[in-house]
Protein backbone atom coordinates (compact mmCIF):
# COMPACT_ATOMS: atom_id res chain seq x y z
CA MET A 1 -33.16 -21.29 -27.93
CA ARG A 2 -34.54 -17.74 -27.55
CA ASP A 3 -33.38 -17.76 -23.93
CA GLU A 4 -29.99 -18.89 -24.62
CA GLN A 5 -29.34 -16.21 -27.26
CA SER A 6 -30.83 -13.60 -24.94
CA ALA A 7 -28.30 -14.67 -22.27
CA ALA A 8 -25.31 -14.56 -24.54
CA ARG A 9 -26.34 -11.11 -25.58
CA GLU A 10 -26.46 -9.99 -22.15
CA ASP A 11 -23.10 -11.34 -21.33
CA LEU A 12 -21.41 -9.71 -24.30
CA PRO A 13 -20.48 -6.29 -22.55
CA GLY A 14 -18.94 -8.42 -19.69
CA GLN A 15 -16.95 -10.53 -22.32
CA SER A 16 -15.86 -7.35 -24.19
CA ARG A 17 -14.41 -5.72 -21.08
CA LEU A 18 -12.63 -8.95 -20.03
CA ILE A 19 -11.07 -9.17 -23.51
CA ALA A 20 -10.23 -5.50 -23.52
CA LEU A 21 -8.66 -5.64 -19.85
CA ALA A 22 -6.62 -8.53 -21.04
CA ALA A 23 -5.44 -7.32 -24.42
CA THR A 24 -1.76 -7.84 -25.42
CA ASP A 25 -1.14 -4.17 -26.05
CA PRO A 26 -0.94 -2.12 -22.65
CA SER A 27 -2.36 1.03 -24.32
CA ALA A 28 -5.49 -0.96 -25.05
CA ARG A 29 -5.71 -2.13 -21.39
CA LEU A 30 -5.13 1.50 -20.39
CA ARG A 31 -8.11 2.60 -22.54
CA ALA A 32 -10.29 -0.30 -21.29
CA ALA A 33 -9.44 0.73 -17.61
CA LEU A 34 -10.19 4.41 -18.41
CA ASP A 35 -13.40 3.73 -19.87
CA ALA A 36 -14.47 1.44 -16.82
CA GLY A 37 -13.88 4.53 -14.87
CA THR A 38 -15.57 6.97 -17.17
CA ARG A 39 -18.80 4.79 -17.30
CA PRO A 40 -18.78 3.03 -13.88
CA ASP A 41 -20.76 -0.24 -14.00
CA PRO A 42 -21.13 -2.07 -10.75
CA ASP A 43 -20.86 -5.44 -13.14
CA ALA A 44 -17.47 -4.52 -13.99
CA VAL A 45 -16.19 -3.98 -10.40
CA ALA A 46 -15.06 -7.70 -10.07
CA LEU A 47 -13.34 -7.79 -13.44
CA LEU A 48 -11.17 -4.67 -12.40
CA VAL A 49 -10.18 -6.10 -9.04
CA ASP A 50 -9.32 -9.67 -10.68
CA ARG A 51 -7.27 -7.71 -13.22
CA CYS A 52 -5.33 -5.74 -10.51
CA ALA A 53 -3.77 -9.15 -9.35
CA VAL A 54 -2.09 -9.80 -12.61
CA GLU A 55 -1.79 -6.59 -14.64
CA PRO A 56 1.85 -6.09 -15.22
CA ASP A 57 2.13 -2.61 -16.32
CA PHE A 58 2.19 0.12 -13.61
CA PHE A 59 0.26 2.73 -15.52
CA VAL A 60 -2.53 0.25 -16.22
CA ARG A 61 -2.56 -0.75 -12.64
CA ASP A 62 -2.88 2.81 -11.56
CA MET A 63 -5.76 3.32 -14.01
CA LEU A 64 -7.53 0.35 -12.60
CA THR A 65 -7.36 1.77 -9.07
CA TRP A 66 -8.76 5.14 -10.35
CA ALA A 67 -11.57 3.28 -12.32
CA LEU A 68 -12.43 1.43 -8.82
CA THR A 69 -12.60 4.72 -6.93
CA ARG A 70 -15.06 5.83 -9.35
CA HIS A 71 -17.40 3.05 -8.43
CA GLN A 72 -19.59 3.10 -5.37
CA ALA A 73 -17.60 1.86 -2.20
CA ALA A 74 -20.37 -0.59 -1.31
CA ALA A 75 -19.61 -2.45 -4.54
CA THR A 76 -15.77 -2.19 -4.47
CA VAL A 77 -14.61 -2.50 -0.72
CA PRO A 78 -15.87 -6.03 -0.05
CA LEU A 79 -14.20 -7.35 -2.86
CA LEU A 80 -10.88 -5.55 -2.26
CA LEU A 81 -11.02 -6.77 1.39
CA ASP A 82 -11.48 -10.24 0.02
CA ALA A 83 -8.28 -9.59 -2.06
CA LEU A 84 -6.30 -8.88 1.01
CA GLY A 85 -6.38 -12.70 1.67
CA SER A 86 -4.99 -13.54 -1.60
CA ALA A 87 -1.69 -15.68 -2.09
CA VAL A 88 -0.80 -13.54 -4.76
CA PRO A 89 1.23 -10.61 -3.37
CA GLN A 90 0.36 -8.25 -6.21
CA ALA A 91 -3.58 -8.78 -5.52
CA ARG A 92 -2.89 -7.60 -1.87
CA SER A 93 -0.67 -4.73 -2.61
CA GLN A 94 -2.96 -3.39 -5.21
CA ALA A 95 -6.02 -4.01 -3.10
CA LEU A 96 -4.33 -2.11 -0.28
CA HIS A 97 -3.36 0.80 -2.41
CA THR A 98 -6.89 1.13 -3.85
CA LEU A 99 -8.34 0.96 -0.33
CA SER A 100 -6.11 3.81 0.70
CA LYS A 101 -7.44 5.91 -2.30
CA ILE A 102 -11.01 5.11 -1.33
CA GLY A 103 -10.44 6.01 2.24
CA ASP A 104 -13.37 3.85 3.56
CA PRO A 105 -12.77 3.85 7.26
CA ALA A 106 -14.29 0.32 7.50
CA ALA A 107 -11.31 -1.16 5.81
CA TRP A 108 -9.03 -0.16 8.98
CA SER A 109 -10.15 -3.19 11.01
CA HIS A 110 -8.89 -5.53 8.26
CA LEU A 111 -5.48 -4.08 8.24
CA SER A 112 -3.81 -6.76 10.36
CA GLU A 113 -0.56 -6.91 11.75
CA ALA A 114 0.24 -9.96 9.43
CA LEU A 115 -0.51 -7.52 6.53
CA LEU A 116 1.71 -4.77 8.06
CA CYS A 117 4.56 -7.24 8.45
CA ASP A 118 3.76 -8.82 5.02
CA GLU A 119 6.78 -10.83 3.73
CA ASP A 120 6.48 -9.37 0.24
CA ASP A 121 7.87 -5.80 0.33
CA GLU A 122 5.58 -4.23 -2.09
CA ALA A 123 2.66 -5.45 -0.23
CA ALA A 124 3.95 -4.31 2.97
CA ARG A 125 4.77 -0.95 1.63
CA ALA A 126 1.20 -0.61 0.31
CA ALA A 127 -0.05 -1.82 3.88
CA TRP A 128 1.87 0.99 5.49
CA ARG A 129 0.50 3.56 3.24
CA ALA A 130 -2.99 2.55 3.47
CA ALA A 131 -2.56 2.09 7.40
CA VAL A 132 -1.44 5.85 7.87
CA VAL A 133 -4.44 6.88 5.93
CA LEU A 134 -7.17 4.77 7.39
CA VAL A 135 -5.85 4.67 11.12
CA PRO A 136 -8.36 6.18 13.67
CA ASP A 137 -6.59 8.50 16.15
CA ALA A 138 -7.02 6.01 19.20
CA ALA A 139 -5.06 3.28 17.12
CA GLU A 140 -2.15 5.26 16.22
CA PRO A 141 0.22 4.16 19.17
CA TRP A 142 -0.57 0.48 18.13
CA LEU A 143 0.41 1.17 14.63
CA ALA A 144 3.58 2.95 15.55
CA ASP A 145 4.51 0.00 17.77
CA VAL A 146 3.80 -2.52 14.84
CA LEU A 147 5.83 -0.25 12.24
CA THR A 148 8.71 -0.10 14.28
CA THR A 149 9.20 -3.64 14.24
CA GLN A 150 10.04 -3.37 10.49
CA LEU A 151 12.69 -0.93 11.00
CA GLY A 152 16.11 -1.84 9.17
CA ARG A 153 14.04 -4.02 6.81
CA GLY A 154 14.67 -4.05 2.90
CA ASP A 155 16.56 -1.48 0.65
CA ALA A 156 16.48 1.98 0.60
CA GLU A 157 13.09 2.40 -0.96
CA VAL A 158 11.37 0.13 1.39
CA GLN A 159 13.09 1.91 4.23
CA LYS A 160 11.92 5.13 3.00
CA SER A 161 8.39 4.22 2.77
CA LEU A 162 8.43 2.95 6.40
CA SER A 163 9.93 6.29 7.63
CA ARG A 164 7.39 8.25 5.60
CA ALA A 165 4.63 6.27 7.25
CA LEU A 166 6.12 6.66 10.79
CA VAL A 167 6.48 10.52 10.16
CA ALA A 168 2.72 10.59 9.18
CA LEU A 169 2.10 9.23 12.90
CA ASP A 170 3.88 12.18 14.28
CA ASP A 171 3.88 12.27 18.20
CA ALA A 172 2.66 8.49 18.29
CA ALA A 173 5.85 7.47 16.63
CA GLU A 174 8.28 9.31 18.92
CA ALA A 175 8.19 6.69 22.00
CA PRO A 176 8.56 3.59 19.60
CA LEU A 177 11.40 5.12 17.83
CA THR A 178 13.28 6.04 20.88
CA ARG A 179 12.98 2.38 22.08
CA ALA A 180 14.16 1.06 18.78
CA ALA A 181 17.10 3.57 18.56
CA ALA A 182 18.50 1.24 21.43
CA SER A 183 17.98 -2.12 19.37
CA PRO A 184 21.16 -4.18 19.44
CA HIS A 185 20.67 -4.48 15.74
CA VAL A 186 22.93 -1.74 13.94
CA SER A 187 20.41 -1.56 10.87
CA VAL A 188 17.42 -1.02 13.29
CA ARG A 189 19.41 1.59 15.26
CA VAL A 190 20.32 3.49 12.21
CA HIS A 191 16.82 3.48 10.49
CA ALA A 192 15.29 4.51 13.83
CA GLU A 193 17.69 7.45 14.08
CA ALA A 194 16.84 8.57 10.57
CA THR A 195 13.46 8.44 11.19
CA ARG A 196 13.67 10.36 14.10
CA ARG A 197 15.44 13.18 12.34
CA LEU A 198 12.66 13.04 9.68
CA LEU A 199 10.19 13.68 12.35
CA GLU A 200 12.08 16.64 13.16
CA ASP A 201 12.33 17.84 9.51
CA PRO A 202 9.88 15.93 7.30
CA ASP A 203 11.24 17.82 4.19
CA ALA A 204 14.68 16.35 4.67
CA GLY A 205 16.08 14.08 2.15
CA PHE A 206 15.91 10.43 3.11
CA ALA A 207 19.60 9.49 1.65
CA GLY A 208 21.04 12.26 3.72
CA VAL A 209 19.50 11.53 7.10
CA ILE A 210 20.45 7.84 6.74
CA GLU A 211 24.23 8.94 6.09
CA GLU A 212 23.93 11.27 9.25
CA ALA A 213 22.16 8.35 11.23
CA LYS A 214 24.90 6.05 10.34
CA ARG A 215 27.67 8.50 11.38
CA VAL A 216 25.88 9.01 14.88
CA VAL A 217 25.25 5.43 15.39
CA ALA A 218 29.03 4.52 14.62
CA LEU A 219 30.17 7.26 17.17
CA GLY A 220 27.69 6.01 19.61
CA ALA A 221 29.18 2.52 19.43
CA LEU A 222 32.65 4.16 20.01
CA GLY A 223 31.27 6.06 23.25
CA LEU A 224 31.79 9.61 21.44
CA ASP A 225 29.37 12.29 21.09
CA GLY A 226 27.48 12.70 17.61
């Protein structure tokens, strides 16, 4: 009996964290995530990673990521890498986001083409952001080639994320973008042209370069100069 009572007492901190991270009130969950980062505990890492997959509040998710960055990479990175194979898109996207913040080079080899082309837009955007943070110099041309296959995808926010990722690759993105600018698909040509303009002027507004790219592509289709 004493052993059972002792085990129950030892498990209480974990149970308390689990209850706090699943509280109905998002402010309570935010405090729980803050506490987990303020007082790092290796035993809390699995709970934090699991909560990332289901947490509905953006600010709480952001705090969960911060809390995970406060723990040793040796404890967090393996669990985050496991989450990349989850069937839950949010689990993948939040794991990628957190890996980009941790910045462990070992994570690069796990950023597969499948993740970079994830059918879920948020997961794909997180993969793009993580990839340009983690990519070694020698792999930048490969990454640029993969990212340009996603040109023309999604709404303005998705396209903006992709363009910013390609701009971060700088010279490695030039040749793939030039090829994409000759695509038979108008949406791809427009997105490629807009991204090329951002390469020249990274501070330009995305909405403006998209409109200019549409004009250039339309004039090109008519055989006129831009």
